C-alpha atoms as a PDB file:
ATOM      1  CA  MET A   1      -0.228   0.074   0.103  1.00  0.00           C
ATOM      2  CA  PRO A   2       1.656   3.188  -1.013  1.00  0.00           C
ATOM      3  CA  LEU A   3       2.221   5.869   1.748  1.00  0.00           C
ATOM      4  CA  PRO A   4       0.384   9.329   1.460  1.00  0.00           C
ATOM      5  CA  SER A   5       2.788  11.908  -0.033  1.00  0.00           C
ATOM      6  CA  ASP A   6       1.958  14.543   2.579  1.00  0.00           C
ATOM      7  CA  TRP A   7       3.373  11.733   5.615  1.00  0.00           C
ATOM      8  CA  LEU A   8       6.655  11.393   2.961  1.00  0.00           C
ATOM      9  CA  LEU A   9       6.563  15.347   3.242  1.00  0.00           C
ATOM     10  CA  ARG A  10       6.436  15.662   6.574  1.00  0.00           C
ATOM     11  CA  HIS A  11       9.145  12.751   7.162  1.00  0.00           C
ATOM     12  CA  SER A  12      11.267  14.586   4.355  1.00  0.00           C
ATOM     13  CA  VAL A  13      10.943  17.757   6.798  1.00  0.00           C
ATOM     14  CA  VAL A  14      12.092  16.001   9.890  1.00  0.00           C
ATOM     15  CA  MET A  15      15.172  14.396   8.435  1.00  0.00           C
ATOM     16  CA  TRP A  16      16.469  17.759   6.949  1.00  0.00           C
ATOM     17  CA  LEU A  17      16.007  19.434  10.060  1.00  0.00           C
ATOM     18  CA  LEU A  18      17.593  16.992  11.978  1.00  0.00           C
ATOM     19  CA  LEU A  19      20.845  16.710   9.551  1.00  0.00           C
ATOM     20  CA  GLN A  20      20.776  20.253   9.718  1.00  0.00           C
ATOM     21  CA  SER A  21      21.142  20.340  13.529  1.00  0.00           C
ATOM     22  CA  LEU A  22      24.139  17.744  13.453  1.00  0.00           C
ATOM     23  CA  VAL A  23      25.826  20.094  10.680  1.00  0.00           C
ATOM     24  CA  LEU A  24      25.426  23.000  13.017  1.00  0.00           C
ATOM     25  CA  MET A  25      26.509  20.928  16.323  1.00  0.00           C
ATOM     26  CA  THR A  26      29.817  20.217  14.516  1.00  0.00           C
ATOM     27  CA  LEU A  27      30.417  23.284  13.641  1.00  0.00           C
ATOM     28  CA  CYS A  28      29.795  24.372  16.865  1.00  0.00           C
ATOM     29  CA  PHE A  29      32.217  22.312  18.480  1.00  0.00           C
ATOM     30  CA  HIS A  30      34.583  22.900  15.585  1.00  0.00           C
ATOM     31  CA  HIS A  31      34.411  26.701  16.391  1.00  0.00           C
ATOM     32  CA  ALA A  32      34.702  26.053  20.082  1.00  0.00           C
ATOM     33  CA  ALA A  33      37.439  24.139  19.757  1.00  0.00           C
ATOM     34  CA  THR A  34      39.594  26.396  17.371  1.00  0.00           C
ATOM     35  CA  SER A  35      38.344  29.653  18.182  1.00  0.00           C
ATOM     36  CA  CYS A  36      40.686  32.035  20.084  1.00  0.00           C
ATOM     37  CA  SER A  37      40.460  32.394  23.994  1.00  0.00           C
ATOM     38  CA  LYS A  38      38.868  35.574  24.998  1.00  0.00           C
ATOM     39  CA  HIS A  39      41.123  38.769  24.962  1.00  0.00           C
ATOM     40  CA  CYS A  40      43.920  36.856  23.655  1.00  0.00           C
ATOM     41  CA  TYR A  41      44.923  37.404  20.410  1.00  0.00           C
ATOM     42  CA  CYS A  42      45.377  34.403  17.569  1.00  0.00           C
ATOM     43  CA  SER A  43      46.989  34.155  14.328  1.00  0.00           C
ATOM     44  CA  ASP A  44      47.655  31.188  11.822  1.00  0.00           C
ATOM     45  CA  SER A  45      51.303  29.969  12.272  1.00  0.00           C
ATOM     46  CA  GLU A  46      53.213  30.164   9.512  1.00  0.00           C
ATOM     47  CA  GLY A  47      54.931  27.593   7.236  1.00  0.00           C
ATOM     48  CA  GLN A  48      53.162  24.128   6.151  1.00  0.00           C
ATOM     49  CA  SER A  49      52.035  23.047   9.651  1.00  0.00           C
ATOM     50  CA  GLY A  50      49.540  24.970  10.414  1.00  0.00           C
ATOM     51  CA  GLY A  51      47.729  25.717  13.363  1.00  0.00           C
ATOM     52  CA  LYS A  52      47.439  28.684  15.417  1.00  0.00           C
ATOM     53  CA  THR A  53      49.477  31.418  17.334  1.00  0.00           C
ATOM     54  CA  MET A  54      48.006  32.820  20.704  1.00  0.00           C
ATOM     55  CA  ARG A  55      49.222  35.598  22.301  1.00  0.00           C
ATOM     56  CA  CYS A  56      48.073  36.703  25.652  1.00  0.00           C
ATOM     57  CA  SER A  57      50.938  38.528  26.736  1.00  0.00           C
ATOM     58  CA  ASN A  58      50.715  41.758  29.124  1.00  0.00           C
ATOM     59  CA  LEU A  59      47.005  40.963  30.319  1.00  0.00           C
ATOM     60  CA  ARG A  60      47.706  40.844  33.860  1.00  0.00           C
ATOM     61  CA  LEU A  61      45.985  36.956  33.768  1.00  0.00           C
ATOM     62  CA  THR A  62      46.074  35.551  37.479  1.00  0.00           C
ATOM     63  CA  GLU A  63      45.056  31.905  35.613  1.00  0.00           C
ATOM     64  CA  ILE A  64      45.793  30.579  32.549  1.00  0.00           C
ATOM     65  CA  PRO A  65      42.761  30.412  30.349  1.00  0.00           C
ATOM     66  CA  ARG A  66      40.765  26.992  30.103  1.00  0.00           C
ATOM     67  CA  ASP A  67      39.607  27.619  26.418  1.00  0.00           C
ATOM     68  CA  ILE A  68      43.087  27.597  24.470  1.00  0.00           C
ATOM     69  CA  PRO A  69      42.360  26.171  21.044  1.00  0.00           C
ATOM     70  CA  ASN A  70      43.421  22.904  20.655  1.00  0.00           C
ATOM     71  CA  ASP A  71      45.525  23.463  17.636  1.00  0.00           C
ATOM     72  CA  THR A  72      47.561  25.802  18.858  1.00  0.00           C
ATOM     73  CA  ARG A  73      51.189  25.450  18.367  1.00  0.00           C
ATOM     74  CA  ARG A  74      52.944  28.527  19.947  1.00  0.00           C
ATOM     75  CA  LEU A  75      51.329  30.004  23.154  1.00  0.00           C
ATOM     76  CA  TYR A  76      52.730  33.264  24.645  1.00  0.00           C
ATOM     77  CA  LEU A  77      51.569  33.899  28.511  1.00  0.00           C
ATOM     78  CA  ASP A  78      54.701  36.317  29.318  1.00  0.00           C
ATOM     79  CA  TYR A  79      54.081  39.286  31.501  1.00  0.00           C
ATOM     80  CA  ASN A  80      51.293  38.682  33.481  1.00  0.00           C
ATOM     81  CA  LEU A  81      50.546  37.465  36.921  1.00  0.00           C
ATOM     82  CA  LEU A  82      50.529  33.558  37.011  1.00  0.00           C
ATOM     83  CA  THR A  83      51.743  32.073  40.449  1.00  0.00           C
ATOM     84  CA  SER A  84      51.105  28.665  39.457  1.00  0.00           C
ATOM     85  CA  VAL A  85      50.732  26.025  36.604  1.00  0.00           C
ATOM     86  CA  PRO A  86      48.014  23.457  37.829  1.00  0.00           C
ATOM     87  CA  ALA A  87      48.131  19.906  36.122  1.00  0.00           C
ATOM     88  CA  ASN A  88      47.179  18.572  33.044  1.00  0.00           C
ATOM     89  CA  THR A  89      46.839  22.519  31.947  1.00  0.00           C
ATOM     90  CA  PHE A  90      47.774  21.823  28.444  1.00  0.00           C
ATOM     91  CA  GLN A  91      47.233  17.855  28.081  1.00  0.00           C
ATOM     92  CA  ASN A  92      44.939  18.911  25.359  1.00  0.00           C
ATOM     93  CA  LEU A  93      47.307  20.909  23.101  1.00  0.00           C
ATOM     94  CA  PRO A  94      48.938  17.827  21.151  1.00  0.00           C
ATOM     95  CA  LEU A  95      50.318  20.490  18.555  1.00  0.00           C
ATOM     96  CA  LEU A  96      51.924  22.772  21.068  1.00  0.00           C
ATOM     97  CA  THR A  97      55.469  23.080  20.243  1.00  0.00           C
ATOM     98  CA  GLU A  98      56.533  26.502  21.807  1.00  0.00           C
ATOM     99  CA  LEU A  99      55.379  27.612  25.177  1.00  0.00           C
ATOM    100  CA  ASP A 100      56.161  31.260  26.892  1.00  0.00           C
ATOM    101  CA  LEU A 101      55.635  31.424  30.318  1.00  0.00           C
ATOM    102  CA  SER A 102      58.327  34.016  31.268  1.00  0.00           C
ATOM    103  CA  HIS A 103      58.033  37.161  33.516  1.00  0.00           C
ATOM    104  CA  ASN A 104      55.493  35.857  35.807  1.00  0.00           C
ATOM    105  CA  GLU A 105      54.901  35.031  39.350  1.00  0.00           C
ATOM    106  CA  LEU A 106      55.378  31.539  39.018  1.00  0.00           C
ATOM    107  CA  ALA A 107      56.476  30.116  42.237  1.00  0.00           C
ATOM    108  CA  LYS A 108      55.494  26.532  42.068  1.00  0.00           C
ATOM    109  CA  LEU A 109      55.064  24.089  38.897  1.00  0.00           C
ATOM    110  CA  GLU A 110      52.291  21.455  40.059  1.00  0.00           C
ATOM    111  CA  PRO A 111      52.935  17.955  39.438  1.00  0.00           C
ATOM    112  CA  GLY A 112      51.732  17.054  35.675  1.00  0.00           C
ATOM    113  CA  ALA A 113      51.881  20.695  34.974  1.00  0.00           C
ATOM    114  CA  PHE A 114      53.132  19.596  31.484  1.00  0.00           C
ATOM    115  CA  ARG A 115      51.446  16.447  31.046  1.00  0.00           C
ATOM    116  CA  GLY A 116      50.938  15.755  27.382  1.00  0.00           C
ATOM    117  CA  LEU A 117      53.709  17.619  25.810  1.00  0.00           C
ATOM    118  CA  ALA A 118      56.597  15.093  25.858  1.00  0.00           C
ATOM    119  CA  ALA A 119      56.130  14.408  22.091  1.00  0.00           C
ATOM    120  CA  SER A 120      55.221  17.697  20.722  1.00  0.00           C
ATOM    121  CA  LEU A 121      57.005  20.735  23.277  1.00  0.00           C
ATOM    122  CA  GLN A 122      60.264  22.035  21.827  1.00  0.00           C
ATOM    123  CA  PHE A 123      61.039  25.283  23.439  1.00  0.00           C
ATOM    124  CA  LEU A 124      59.681  26.526  27.178  1.00  0.00           C
ATOM    125  CA  ASP A 125      60.511  29.825  28.512  1.00  0.00           C
ATOM    126  CA  LEU A 126      60.288  29.921  32.429  1.00  0.00           C
ATOM    127  CA  SER A 127      62.706  32.767  32.940  1.00  0.00           C
ATOM    128  CA  SER A 128      62.255  35.663  35.007  1.00  0.00           C
ATOM    129  CA  ASN A 129      59.836  34.034  37.628  1.00  0.00           C
ATOM    130  CA  LYS A 130      60.043  33.104  41.372  1.00  0.00           C
ATOM    131  CA  LEU A 131      61.032  29.352  41.290  1.00  0.00           C
ATOM    132  CA  GLU A 132      63.514  28.289  43.932  1.00  0.00           C
ATOM    133  CA  THR A 133      63.185  24.271  42.804  1.00  0.00           C
ATOM    134  CA  LEU A 134      61.797  22.088  40.117  1.00  0.00           C
ATOM    135  CA  ASP A 135      59.940  18.991  40.432  1.00  0.00           C
ATOM    136  CA  PRO A 136      60.748  16.042  37.852  1.00  0.00           C
ATOM    137  CA  GLU A 137      56.847  15.035  38.258  1.00  0.00           C
ATOM    138  CA  ALA A 138      56.131  18.569  36.554  1.00  0.00           C
ATOM    139  CA  PHE A 139      57.814  17.836  33.277  1.00  0.00           C
ATOM    140  CA  GLU A 140      56.704  14.058  32.889  1.00  0.00           C
ATOM    141  CA  GLY A 141      59.320  13.427  29.967  1.00  0.00           C
ATOM    142  CA  VAL A 142      59.364  16.787  28.532  1.00  0.00           C
ATOM    143  CA  GLN A 143      62.577  17.115  26.695  1.00  0.00           C
ATOM    144  CA  ALA A 144      62.466  20.740  25.277  1.00  0.00           C
ATOM    145  CA  ARG A 145      65.085  23.298  25.229  1.00  0.00           C
ATOM    146  CA  SER A 146      64.181  25.550  28.326  1.00  0.00           C
ATOM    147  CA  ASN A 147      65.036  28.795  29.318  1.00  0.00           C
ATOM    148  CA  LEU A 148      65.450  28.908  33.322  1.00  0.00           C
ATOM    149  CA  THR A 149      67.332  31.839  33.390  1.00  0.00           C
ATOM    150  CA  ASN A 150      66.477  34.791  36.191  1.00  0.00           C
ATOM    151  CA  ASN A 151      64.918  32.655  39.164  1.00  0.00           C
ATOM    152  CA  PRO A 152      65.726  32.679  42.744  1.00  0.00           C
ATOM    153  CA  TRP A 153      66.913  29.067  42.691  1.00  0.00           C
ATOM    154  CA  ARG A 154      67.491  27.374  45.837  1.00  0.00           C
ATOM    155  CA  CYS A 155      70.474  24.907  45.641  1.00  0.00           C
ATOM    156  CA  ASP A 156      69.756  22.307  48.092  1.00  0.00           C
ATOM    157  CA  CYS A 157      69.511  18.519  48.341  1.00  0.00           C
ATOM    158  CA  ALA A 158      65.978  18.240  46.913  1.00  0.00           C
ATOM    159  CA  LEU A 159      67.414  20.253  43.421  1.00  0.00           C
ATOM    160  CA  GLN A 160      70.545  18.071  43.581  1.00  0.00           C
ATOM    161  CA  MET A 161      68.252  14.637  43.704  1.00  0.00           C
ATOM    162  CA  ALA A 162      65.958  16.396  40.707  1.00  0.00           C
ATOM    163  CA  MET A 163      68.325  17.075  38.044  1.00  0.00           C
ATOM    164  CA  PRO A 164      69.115  13.566  36.887  1.00  0.00           C
ATOM    165  CA  ARG A 165      65.768  13.026  36.527  1.00  0.00           C
ATOM    166  CA  LEU A 166      64.753  15.705  34.527  1.00  0.00           C
ATOM    167  CA  ALA A 167      64.881  15.195  31.055  1.00  0.00           C
ATOM    168  CA  LEU A 168      65.197  18.388  29.546  1.00  0.00           C
ATOM    169  CA  GLU A 169      67.865  19.280  27.245  1.00  0.00           C
ATOM    170  CA  PRO A 170      71.154  19.498  29.450  1.00  0.00           C
ATOM    171  CA  VAL A 171      72.338  23.059  27.899  1.00  0.00           C
ATOM    172  CA  SER A 172      69.064  24.327  29.420  1.00  0.00           C
ATOM    173  CA  LEU A 173      70.014  23.314  33.066  1.00  0.00           C
ATOM    174  CA  LYS A 174      72.901  25.883  32.913  1.00  0.00           C
ATOM    175  CA  GLY A 175      70.122  28.531  33.447  1.00  0.00           C
ATOM    176  CA  ILE A 176      69.782  27.105  37.114  1.00  0.00           C
ATOM    177  CA  VAL A 177      72.048  29.942  38.747  1.00  0.00           C
ATOM    178  CA  CYS A 178      72.058  29.619  42.718  1.00  0.00           C
ATOM    179  CA  GLU A 179      70.684  32.586  44.671  1.00  0.00           C
ATOM    180  CA  THR A 180      70.805  30.524  47.741  1.00  0.00           C
ATOM    181  CA  SER A 181      72.197  27.262  48.989  1.00  0.00           C
ATOM    182  CA  VAL A 182      71.626  24.748  51.747  1.00  0.00           C
ATOM    183  CA  PRO A 183      74.183  24.750  53.524  1.00  0.00           C
ATOM    184  CA  GLU A 184      75.117  28.270  53.034  1.00  0.00           C
ATOM    185  CA  ASP A 185      78.936  27.629  53.069  1.00  0.00           C
ATOM    186  CA  ALA A 186      78.512  25.409  49.974  1.00  0.00           C
ATOM    187  CA  GLY A 187      80.108  28.313  47.910  1.00  0.00           C
ATOM    188  CA  VAL A 188      77.769  27.904  44.889  1.00  0.00           C
ATOM    189  CA  GLN A 189      76.147  31.243  45.138  1.00  0.00           C
ATOM    190  CA  GLY A 190      76.283  32.930  41.656  1.00  0.00           C
ATOM    191  CA  GLU A 191      77.180  29.832  40.032  1.00  0.00           C
ATOM    192  CA  PRO A 192      75.341  27.421  37.731  1.00  0.00           C
ATOM    193  CA  PHE A 193      74.409  24.623  39.551  1.00  0.00           C
ATOM    194  CA  LEU A 194      74.814  22.138  36.341  1.00  0.00           C
ATOM    195  CA  LEU A 195      78.762  23.173  36.283  1.00  0.00           C
ATOM    196  CA  ALA A 196      79.391  22.572  39.709  1.00  0.00           C
ATOM    197  CA  LYS A 197      81.528  19.253  40.253  1.00  0.00           C
ATOM    198  CA  ASP A 198      81.973  17.433  43.062  1.00  0.00           C
ATOM    199  CA  LEU A 199      79.526  18.906  45.200  1.00  0.00           C
ATOM    200  CA  ASP A 200      76.969  17.158  47.480  1.00  0.00           C
ATOM    201  CA  LEU A 201      74.742  19.164  49.216  1.00  0.00           C
ATOM    202  CA  CYS A 202      73.022  16.289  50.599  1.00  0.00           C
ATOM    203  CA  VAL A 203      75.751  15.640  52.927  1.00  0.00           C
ATOM    204  CA  ALA A 204      74.156  17.548  55.743  1.00  0.00           C
ATOM    205  CA  LEU A 205      70.935  15.558  54.949  1.00  0.00           C
ATOM    206  CA  LYS A 206      72.811  12.361  55.484  1.00  0.00           C
ATOM    207  CA  LYS A 207      74.700  13.379  58.486  1.00  0.00           C
ATOM    208  CA  THR A 208      70.888  14.423  60.031  1.00  0.00           C
ATOM    209  CA  THR A 209      69.595  10.776  59.133  1.00  0.00           C
ATOM    210  CA  ASP A 210      72.676   8.802  60.367  1.00  0.00           C
ATOM    211  CA  VAL A 211      72.190  10.772  63.845  1.00  0.00           C
ATOM    212  CA  ALA A 212      68.363  10.001  63.468  1.00  0.00           C
ATOM    213  CA  MET A 213      69.374   6.464  63.083  1.00  0.00           C
ATOM    214  CA  LEU A 214      71.704   5.999  65.918  1.00  0.00           C
ATOM    215  CA  VAL A 215      69.434   8.062  68.412  1.00  0.00           C
ATOM    216  CA  THR A 216      66.656   5.073  67.294  1.00  0.00           C
ATOM    217  CA  MET A 217      69.008   2.570  67.554  1.00  0.00           C
ATOM    218  CA  PHE A 218      70.183   3.992  70.892  1.00  0.00           C
ATOM    219  CA  GLY A 219      66.474   4.058  72.019  1.00  0.00           C
ATOM    220  CA  TRP A 220      66.105   0.773  70.960  1.00  0.00           C
ATOM    221  CA  PHE A 221      69.410  -0.700  72.668  1.00  0.00           C
ATOM    222  CA  THR A 222      68.039   1.274  75.902  1.00  0.00           C
ATOM    223  CA  MET A 223      64.679  -0.754  75.793  1.00  0.00           C
ATOM    224  CA  VAL A 224      66.182  -4.017  75.251  1.00  0.00           C
ATOM    225  CA  ILE A 225      68.750  -3.719  78.350  1.00  0.00           C
ATOM    226  CA  SER A 226      65.885  -2.424  80.654  1.00  0.00           C
ATOM    227  CA  TYR A 227      63.934  -5.209  79.590  1.00  0.00           C
ATOM    228  CA  LEU A 228      66.747  -7.750  79.998  1.00  0.00           C
ATOM    229  CA  VAL A 229      67.562  -6.191  83.814  1.00  0.00           C
ATOM    230  CA  TYR A 230      63.717  -6.124  84.314  1.00  0.00           C
ATOM    231  CA  TYR A 231      63.299  -9.884  83.506  1.00  0.00           C
ATOM    232  CA  VAL A 232      66.362 -11.171  85.596  1.00  0.00           C
ATOM    233  CA  ARG A 233      65.361  -9.101  88.157  1.00  0.00           C
ATOM    234  CA  HIS A 234      61.596 -10.430  88.375  1.00  0.00           C
ATOM    235  CA  ASN A 235      63.163 -14.100  87.567  1.00  0.00           C
ATOM    236  CA  GLN A 236      65.321 -13.486  90.617  1.00  0.00           C
ATOM    237  CA  GLU A 237      62.539 -12.589  92.772  1.00  0.00           C
ATOM    238  CA  ASP A 238      60.679 -15.379  91.860  1.00  0.00           C
ATOM    239  CA  ALA A 239      63.543 -18.114  92.231  1.00  0.00           C
ATOM    240  CA  ARG A 240      63.999 -16.244  95.758  1.00  0.00           C
ATOM    241  CA  ARG A 241      60.048 -17.082  96.540  1.00  0.00           C
ATOM    242  CA  HIS A 242      60.107 -20.720  95.464  1.00  0.00           C
ATOM    243  CA  LEU A 243      63.328 -21.216  97.653  1.00  0.00           C
ATOM    244  CA  GLU A 244      61.765 -20.398 100.432  1.00  0.00           C
ATOM    245  CA  TYR A 245      58.536 -21.975  99.781  1.00  0.00           C
ATOM    246  CA  LEU A 246      60.411 -25.108  99.356  1.00  0.00           C
ATOM    247  CA  LYS A 247      62.444 -24.656 102.690  1.00  0.00           C
ATOM    248  CA  SER A 248      59.148 -24.021 104.525  1.00  0.00           C
ATOM    249  CA  LEU A 249      57.788 -27.411 103.352  1.00  0.00           C
ATOM    250  CA  PRO A 250      58.300 -30.818 105.767  1.00  0.00           C
ATOM    251  CA  SER A 251      61.646 -32.813 104.885  1.00  0.00           C
ATOM    252  CA  ARG A 252      60.828 -36.144 103.353  1.00  0.00           C
ATOM    253  CA  GLN A 253      64.449 -37.253 104.950  1.00  0.00           C
ATOM    254  CA  GLY A 254      63.396 -36.288 108.306  1.00  0.00           C
ATOM    255  CA  LYS A 255      60.053 -38.424 107.844  1.00  0.00           C
ATOM    256  CA  SER A 256      62.228 -41.466 106.481  1.00  0.00           C
ATOM    257  CA  GLU A 257      64.761 -41.142 109.546  1.00  0.00           C
ATOM    258  CA  GLU A 258      61.383 -41.006 111.987  1.00  0.00           C
ATOM    259  CA  SER A 259      59.912 -44.080 110.576  1.00  0.00           C
ATOM    260  CA  SER A 260      63.381 -45.683 110.873  1.00  0.00           C
ATOM    261  CA  THR A 261      63.479 -45.063 114.649  1.00  0.00           C
ATOM    262  CA  ILE A 262      60.091 -46.274 115.299  1.00  0.00           C
ATOM    263  CA  SER A 263      60.483 -49.483 113.362  1.00  0.00           C
ATOM    264  CA  THR A 264      63.776 -50.053 115.632  1.00  0.00           C
ATOM    265  CA  VAL A 265      62.330 -49.399 119.299  1.00  0.00           C
ATOM    266  CA  VAL A 266      59.351 -51.806 118.350  1.00  0.00           C
END
């Protein structure tokens, strides 16, 4: 039985509207993913690689924008008021090759701060901030060439332990110039930490650890000796009481002698 023409017409109109809605939604999502962040300036990157260059410089930003286009290749966040880089901030930027965070107030890089950039990032600028140390967990394998100059680096055991775990280009680490050190008399102030050979800033920590272990061992030894003294004294007291108890009992030998005497008399 043939379907009515008006039903086919209505069905076609509904399908057409649904198709238009899907197309519009796709365009909206694509626009949201590739449109420039508010207040920032975006331009197409030069060359055949494509992607965007996003500039958010000197905007007094206190947080890193969350609506960065995922096709961004160069991101400039310099001359702002950023104090930290939270985890997973750049995870959805697989094409990012250059990241400028210089001239901010960065004092800490959270673990996972540069997660997702190990395969793409080629240059990282962290100069002129307030960084005192580096957490290897923030970089997660990033091997980019980095600018680490003009930070108040605090050269101590923690930084010395972190250096071998950093995958950044070794030349980049020359930018870590010690402003302070622990211990203070290490003689590294004003010197690139990477170039300080035969330097062990963990000696003081090792000495502290050794002293703590000795104190702990002495405490345990004292406890063991005290327990042994208590145990011996307690056992001596029990033995003395037991001996006195035995002495208070009638002697079996006395009883045997009495029995022999009675038998002889009889």
